[in-house]
Amino acid sequence: MKCSFCSRNIPKGTGKMFVKRTGEIFYFCSSKCQRNQKLRRSSKKLKWARQ
């Protein structure tokens, strides 16, 4: 499974799954990625996020 924000692999048993009311599913490896997604930041502009 990969993080929806930074595209890193998430080890089994870790991370978070977020489901929107529309049924869209997001997987996050850390709260850092989750906060940045919520703030609508682009992962392309951040140096620490892989593409």
Protein backbone atom coordinates (compact mmCIF):
# COMPACT_ATOMS: atom_id res chain seq x y z
CA MET A 1 0.00 0.00 0.00
CA LYS A 2 1.27 3.51 -0.79
CA CYS A 3 0.70 6.84 0.92
CA SER A 4 -1.80 8.97 -0.98
CA PHE A 5 0.25 12.12 -0.37
CA CYS A 6 3.96 11.27 -0.55
CA SER A 7 3.81 7.90 -2.40
CA ARG A 8 5.96 6.05 0.15
CA ASN A 9 5.28 2.41 0.98
CA ILE A 10 3.35 1.93 4.22
CA PRO A 11 4.45 -1.06 6.31
CA LYS A 12 1.68 -3.45 7.32
CA GLY A 13 0.01 -2.54 10.60
CA THR A 14 0.93 1.16 10.42
CA GLY A 15 -0.54 4.28 8.87
CA LYS A 16 -4.08 5.58 8.63
CA MET A 17 -6.96 5.08 6.24
CA PHE A 18 -9.31 8.03 5.69
CA VAL A 19 -12.62 7.57 3.88
CA LYS A 20 -14.54 10.59 2.63
CA ARG A 21 -18.34 10.68 2.48
CA THR A 22 -18.10 10.29 -1.27
CA GLY A 23 -16.39 6.92 -0.80
CA GLU A 24 -12.94 8.13 -1.81
CA ILE A 25 -10.21 6.37 0.20
CA PHE A 26 -6.88 7.94 1.26
CA TYR A 27 -3.99 6.13 2.95
CA PHE A 28 -1.45 8.13 4.98
CA CYS A 29 1.93 7.00 6.32
CA SER A 30 2.10 9.79 8.93
CA SER A 31 0.13 12.63 10.45
CA LYS A 32 2.46 15.00 8.58
CA CYS A 33 1.11 13.74 5.26
CA GLN A 34 -2.46 13.82 6.52
CA ARG A 35 -2.19 17.45 7.68
CA ASN A 36 -0.63 18.56 4.40
CA GLN A 37 -3.37 16.83 2.38
CA LYS A 38 -6.02 18.53 4.55
CA LEU A 39 -4.37 21.92 3.95
CA ARG A 40 -4.58 21.17 0.19
CA ARG A 41 -0.84 21.43 -0.35
CA SER A 42 0.71 19.95 -3.45
CA SER A 43 3.21 17.14 -2.87
CA LYS A 44 5.01 18.23 -6.07
CA LYS A 45 6.17 21.44 -4.38
CA LEU A 46 7.54 19.76 -1.23
CA LYS A 47 11.11 18.46 -1.26
CA TRP A 48 10.53 15.67 1.29
CA ALA A 49 7.61 14.14 -0.62
CA ARG A 50 8.61 11.71 -3.36
CA GLN A 51 6.96 11.64 -6.76
